[in-house]
Amino acid sequence: MCVTCEPQIANDILGYLVAQPDAQDTLEGIAEWWLLEQRITEQAARVSEALAALVEEGLVIERRGHERSYYKLNQRRRKRILDRLGRE
């Protein structure tokens, strides 16, 4: 067993291979593309949840475009946002 192996990285590699069973790549390709893709997918889900909560609180405004949504600061809630961030 590898003492220095990062279990999450090993699981990410296996997860990628399960989703893409015909995939093969070099060490560099796996580090750069496979693991990056896994992180982006995971992070996108977290960002989606955070944005939904911020929109629900009224701190961020969602504008739905033709194919995707755009998000921006709700200027009317700027004071509340700064308070939440601990800033003046």
N, C-alpha and C. Protein backbone atom coordinates (compact mmCIF):
# COMPACT_ATOMS: atom_id res chain seq x y z
N MET A 1 0.84 -1.18 0.00
CA MET A 1 0.00 0.00 0.00
C MET A 1 0.89 1.25 0.00
N CYS A 2 0.46 2.23 -0.74
CA CYS A 2 1.23 3.47 -0.86
C CYS A 2 0.90 4.40 0.30
N VAL A 3 1.90 4.70 1.12
CA VAL A 3 1.70 5.55 2.28
C VAL A 3 1.48 7.00 1.86
N THR A 4 2.15 7.41 0.78
CA THR A 4 2.04 8.80 0.36
C THR A 4 0.90 9.06 -0.62
N CYS A 5 0.19 8.02 -1.04
CA CYS A 5 -0.90 8.20 -1.99
C CYS A 5 -2.05 8.96 -1.36
N GLU A 6 -2.60 9.85 -2.11
CA GLU A 6 -3.77 10.61 -1.68
C GLU A 6 -5.00 9.79 -2.06
N PRO A 7 -5.76 9.28 -1.07
CA PRO A 7 -6.91 8.43 -1.38
C PRO A 7 -7.93 9.13 -2.29
N GLN A 8 -8.12 10.41 -2.14
CA GLN A 8 -9.10 11.11 -2.96
C GLN A 8 -8.67 11.13 -4.42
N ILE A 9 -7.38 11.30 -4.67
CA ILE A 9 -6.89 11.29 -6.05
C ILE A 9 -7.11 9.92 -6.67
N ALA A 10 -6.81 8.88 -5.93
CA ALA A 10 -7.03 7.52 -6.43
C ALA A 10 -8.51 7.31 -6.75
N ASN A 11 -9.39 7.76 -5.87
CA ASN A 11 -10.83 7.63 -6.12
C ASN A 11 -11.27 8.46 -7.30
N ASP A 12 -10.69 9.65 -7.48
CA ASP A 12 -11.02 10.48 -8.62
C ASP A 12 -10.62 9.81 -9.93
N ILE A 13 -9.45 9.19 -9.94
CA ILE A 13 -9.00 8.47 -11.14
C ILE A 13 -9.95 7.32 -11.45
N LEU A 14 -10.29 6.55 -10.42
CA LEU A 14 -11.22 5.43 -10.63
C LEU A 14 -12.60 5.93 -11.07
N GLY A 15 -13.07 7.02 -10.48
CA GLY A 15 -14.36 7.58 -10.87
C GLY A 15 -14.37 8.00 -12.33
N TYR A 16 -13.27 8.61 -12.77
CA TYR A 16 -13.17 9.02 -14.17
C TYR A 16 -13.19 7.79 -15.07
N LEU A 17 -12.44 6.77 -14.71
CA LEU A 17 -12.37 5.56 -15.53
C LEU A 17 -13.71 4.82 -15.59
N VAL A 18 -14.45 4.86 -14.51
CA VAL A 18 -15.77 4.22 -14.52
C VAL A 18 -16.70 4.98 -15.48
N ALA A 19 -16.62 6.31 -15.45
CA ALA A 19 -17.46 7.13 -16.32
C ALA A 19 -16.99 7.08 -17.77
N GLN A 20 -15.70 6.87 -17.98
CA GLN A 20 -15.09 6.83 -19.32
C GLN A 20 -14.28 5.54 -19.44
N PRO A 21 -14.93 4.38 -19.54
CA PRO A 21 -14.20 3.11 -19.46
C PRO A 21 -13.17 2.87 -20.57
N ASP A 22 -13.24 3.58 -21.67
CA ASP A 22 -12.27 3.39 -22.74
C ASP A 22 -11.13 4.41 -22.68
N ALA A 23 -11.12 5.25 -21.66
CA ALA A 23 -10.12 6.30 -21.55
C ALA A 23 -8.74 5.73 -21.24
N GLN A 24 -7.73 6.38 -21.78
CA GLN A 24 -6.35 6.09 -21.42
C GLN A 24 -5.55 7.37 -21.66
N ASP A 25 -4.54 7.60 -20.85
CA ASP A 25 -3.77 8.83 -20.98
C ASP A 25 -2.44 8.66 -20.26
N THR A 26 -1.60 9.65 -20.41
CA THR A 26 -0.31 9.68 -19.73
C THR A 26 -0.50 10.24 -18.32
N LEU A 27 0.53 10.14 -17.52
CA LEU A 27 0.52 10.73 -16.18
C LEU A 27 0.14 12.20 -16.26
N GLU A 28 0.80 12.93 -17.18
CA GLU A 28 0.53 14.35 -17.32
C GLU A 28 -0.91 14.62 -17.76
N GLY A 29 -1.40 13.83 -18.69
CA GLY A 29 -2.77 13.99 -19.16
C GLY A 29 -3.79 13.72 -18.07
N ILE A 30 -3.54 12.70 -17.28
CA ILE A 30 -4.45 12.38 -16.17
C ILE A 30 -4.45 13.51 -15.16
N ALA A 31 -3.26 13.98 -14.79
CA ALA A 31 -3.17 15.06 -13.81
C ALA A 31 -3.83 16.33 -14.33
N GLU A 32 -3.58 16.64 -15.60
CA GLU A 32 -4.08 17.91 -16.14
C GLU A 32 -5.54 17.86 -16.53
N TRP A 33 -5.99 16.79 -17.16
CA TRP A 33 -7.35 16.78 -17.72
C TRP A 33 -8.34 15.98 -16.91
N TRP A 34 -8.02 14.75 -16.59
CA TRP A 34 -8.98 13.91 -15.88
C TRP A 34 -9.32 14.50 -14.52
N LEU A 35 -8.28 14.79 -13.74
CA LEU A 35 -8.53 15.27 -12.38
C LEU A 35 -9.13 16.67 -12.40
N LEU A 36 -8.72 17.49 -13.35
CA LEU A 36 -9.31 18.82 -13.49
C LEU A 36 -10.80 18.70 -13.80
N GLU A 37 -11.14 17.81 -14.71
CA GLU A 37 -12.56 17.61 -15.07
C GLU A 37 -13.37 17.16 -13.85
N GLN A 38 -12.82 16.26 -13.06
CA GLN A 38 -13.49 15.79 -11.84
C GLN A 38 -13.72 16.97 -10.88
N ARG A 39 -12.70 17.79 -10.68
CA ARG A 39 -12.80 18.93 -9.77
C ARG A 39 -13.83 19.95 -10.27
N ILE A 40 -13.81 20.21 -11.56
CA ILE A 40 -14.76 21.17 -12.13
C ILE A 40 -16.18 20.67 -11.95
N THR A 41 -16.42 19.41 -12.19
CA THR A 41 -17.76 18.84 -12.03
C THR A 41 -18.23 18.97 -10.59
N GLU A 42 -17.36 18.60 -9.65
CA GLU A 42 -17.71 18.70 -8.22
C GLU A 42 -17.93 20.16 -7.82
N GLN A 43 -17.03 21.03 -8.25
CA GLN A 43 -17.12 22.44 -7.87
C GLN A 43 -18.35 23.10 -8.48
N ALA A 44 -18.70 22.74 -9.70
CA ALA A 44 -19.88 23.32 -10.35
C ALA A 44 -21.15 23.01 -9.56
N ALA A 45 -21.25 21.81 -9.01
CA ALA A 45 -22.42 21.45 -8.20
C ALA A 45 -22.47 22.31 -6.94
N ARG A 46 -21.33 22.53 -6.29
CA ARG A 46 -21.29 23.36 -5.08
C ARG A 46 -21.61 24.81 -5.40
N VAL A 47 -21.07 25.31 -6.50
CA VAL A 47 -21.32 26.69 -6.90
C VAL A 47 -22.80 26.88 -7.22
N SER A 48 -23.40 25.92 -7.87
CA SER A 48 -24.83 25.98 -8.19
C SER A 48 -25.68 26.09 -6.92
N GLU A 49 -25.35 25.30 -5.92
CA GLU A 49 -26.08 25.35 -4.65
C GLU A 49 -25.89 26.69 -3.96
N ALA A 50 -24.66 27.19 -3.95
CA ALA A 50 -24.37 28.47 -3.31
C ALA A 50 -25.09 29.62 -4.02
N LEU A 51 -25.08 29.61 -5.35
CA LEU A 51 -25.77 30.65 -6.10
C LEU A 51 -27.27 30.61 -5.85
N ALA A 52 -27.85 29.42 -5.80
CA ALA A 52 -29.29 29.29 -5.53
C ALA A 52 -29.63 29.89 -4.17
N ALA A 53 -28.78 29.64 -3.17
CA ALA A 53 -29.02 30.20 -1.84
C ALA A 53 -28.88 31.71 -1.84
N LEU A 54 -27.88 32.25 -2.54
CA LEU A 54 -27.68 33.70 -2.59
C LEU A 54 -28.81 34.39 -3.34
N VAL A 55 -29.32 33.76 -4.38
CA VAL A 55 -30.46 34.31 -5.11
C VAL A 55 -31.69 34.29 -4.21
N GLU A 56 -31.89 33.20 -3.50
CA GLU A 56 -33.04 33.09 -2.60
C GLU A 56 -32.99 34.14 -1.49
N GLU A 57 -31.79 34.46 -1.01
CA GLU A 57 -31.62 35.49 0.02
C GLU A 57 -31.75 36.90 -0.55
N GLY A 58 -31.73 37.01 -1.87
CA GLY A 58 -31.84 38.31 -2.50
C GLY A 58 -30.52 39.07 -2.58
N LEU A 59 -29.41 38.41 -2.33
CA LEU A 59 -28.11 39.06 -2.36
C LEU A 59 -27.51 39.08 -3.76
N VAL A 60 -27.92 38.13 -4.56
CA VAL A 60 -27.47 38.01 -5.94
C VAL A 60 -28.71 37.96 -6.82
N ILE A 61 -28.60 38.61 -7.98
CA ILE A 61 -29.71 38.62 -8.94
C ILE A 61 -29.38 37.66 -10.08
N GLU A 62 -30.35 36.84 -10.43
CA GLU A 62 -30.20 35.90 -11.54
C GLU A 62 -30.98 36.44 -12.73
N ARG A 63 -30.31 36.53 -13.87
CA ARG A 63 -30.98 36.92 -15.10
C ARG A 63 -30.86 35.74 -16.05
N ARG A 64 -31.99 35.23 -16.45
CA ARG A 64 -31.99 34.06 -17.34
C ARG A 64 -31.88 34.50 -18.78
N GLY A 65 -30.84 34.01 -19.45
CA GLY A 65 -30.63 34.28 -20.86
C GLY A 65 -31.25 33.18 -21.69
N HIS A 66 -30.94 33.19 -22.95
CA HIS A 66 -31.50 32.19 -23.87
C HIS A 66 -31.10 30.77 -23.49
N GLU A 67 -29.81 30.57 -23.18
CA GLU A 67 -29.34 29.22 -22.88
C GLU A 67 -28.79 29.04 -21.48
N ARG A 68 -28.50 30.15 -20.79
CA ARG A 68 -27.92 30.04 -19.46
C ARG A 68 -28.30 31.24 -18.62
N SER A 69 -28.03 31.14 -17.34
CA SER A 69 -28.32 32.24 -16.42
C SER A 69 -27.06 33.04 -16.16
N TYR A 70 -27.27 34.31 -15.84
CA TYR A 70 -26.18 35.22 -15.48
C TYR A 70 -26.46 35.75 -14.09
N TYR A 71 -25.42 35.92 -13.29
CA TYR A 71 -25.57 36.34 -11.90
C TYR A 71 -24.80 37.62 -11.66
N LYS A 72 -25.38 38.48 -10.83
CA LYS A 72 -24.68 39.71 -10.47
C LYS A 72 -25.11 40.14 -9.07
N LEU A 73 -24.32 41.04 -8.51
CA LEU A 73 -24.59 41.58 -7.19
C LEU A 73 -25.91 42.35 -7.18
N ASN A 74 -26.69 42.17 -6.13
CA ASN A 74 -27.89 42.97 -5.94
C ASN A 74 -27.45 44.24 -5.20
N GLN A 75 -27.29 45.32 -5.95
CA GLN A 75 -26.78 46.58 -5.38
C GLN A 75 -27.67 47.10 -4.25
N ARG A 76 -28.94 46.80 -4.29
CA ARG A 76 -29.86 47.25 -3.24
C ARG A 76 -29.55 46.59 -1.89
N ARG A 77 -28.87 45.48 -1.91
CA ARG A 77 -28.52 44.75 -0.68
C ARG A 77 -27.05 44.88 -0.33
N ARG A 78 -26.37 45.86 -0.92
CA ARG A 78 -24.93 46.02 -0.73
C ARG A 78 -24.55 46.13 0.75
N LYS A 79 -25.26 46.92 1.52
CA LYS A 79 -24.96 47.09 2.95
C LYS A 79 -25.07 45.74 3.67
N ARG A 80 -26.13 45.03 3.40
CA ARG A 80 -26.33 43.72 4.02
C ARG A 80 -25.22 42.75 3.64
N ILE A 81 -24.80 42.80 2.38
CA ILE A 81 -23.72 41.94 1.91
C ILE A 81 -22.41 42.28 2.62
N LEU A 82 -22.11 43.57 2.70
CA LEU A 82 -20.89 44.00 3.38
C LEU A 82 -20.91 43.61 4.85
N ASP A 83 -22.07 43.73 5.50
CA ASP A 83 -22.19 43.29 6.89
C ASP A 83 -21.91 41.79 7.00
N ARG A 84 -22.46 41.04 6.08
CA ARG A 84 -22.26 39.59 6.10
C ARG A 84 -20.79 39.24 5.92
N LEU A 85 -20.09 40.01 5.09
CA LEU A 85 -18.67 39.77 4.85
C LEU A 85 -17.78 40.35 5.95
N GLY A 86 -18.40 41.09 6.88
CA GLY A 86 -17.64 41.71 7.96
C GLY A 86 -16.87 42.93 7.50
N ARG A 87 -17.40 43.59 6.48
CA ARG A 87 -16.74 44.79 5.94
C ARG A 87 -17.65 45.99 6.10
N GLU A 88 -17.03 47.17 6.06
CA GLU A 88 -17.83 48.40 6.15
C GLU A 88 -18.04 48.98 4.78
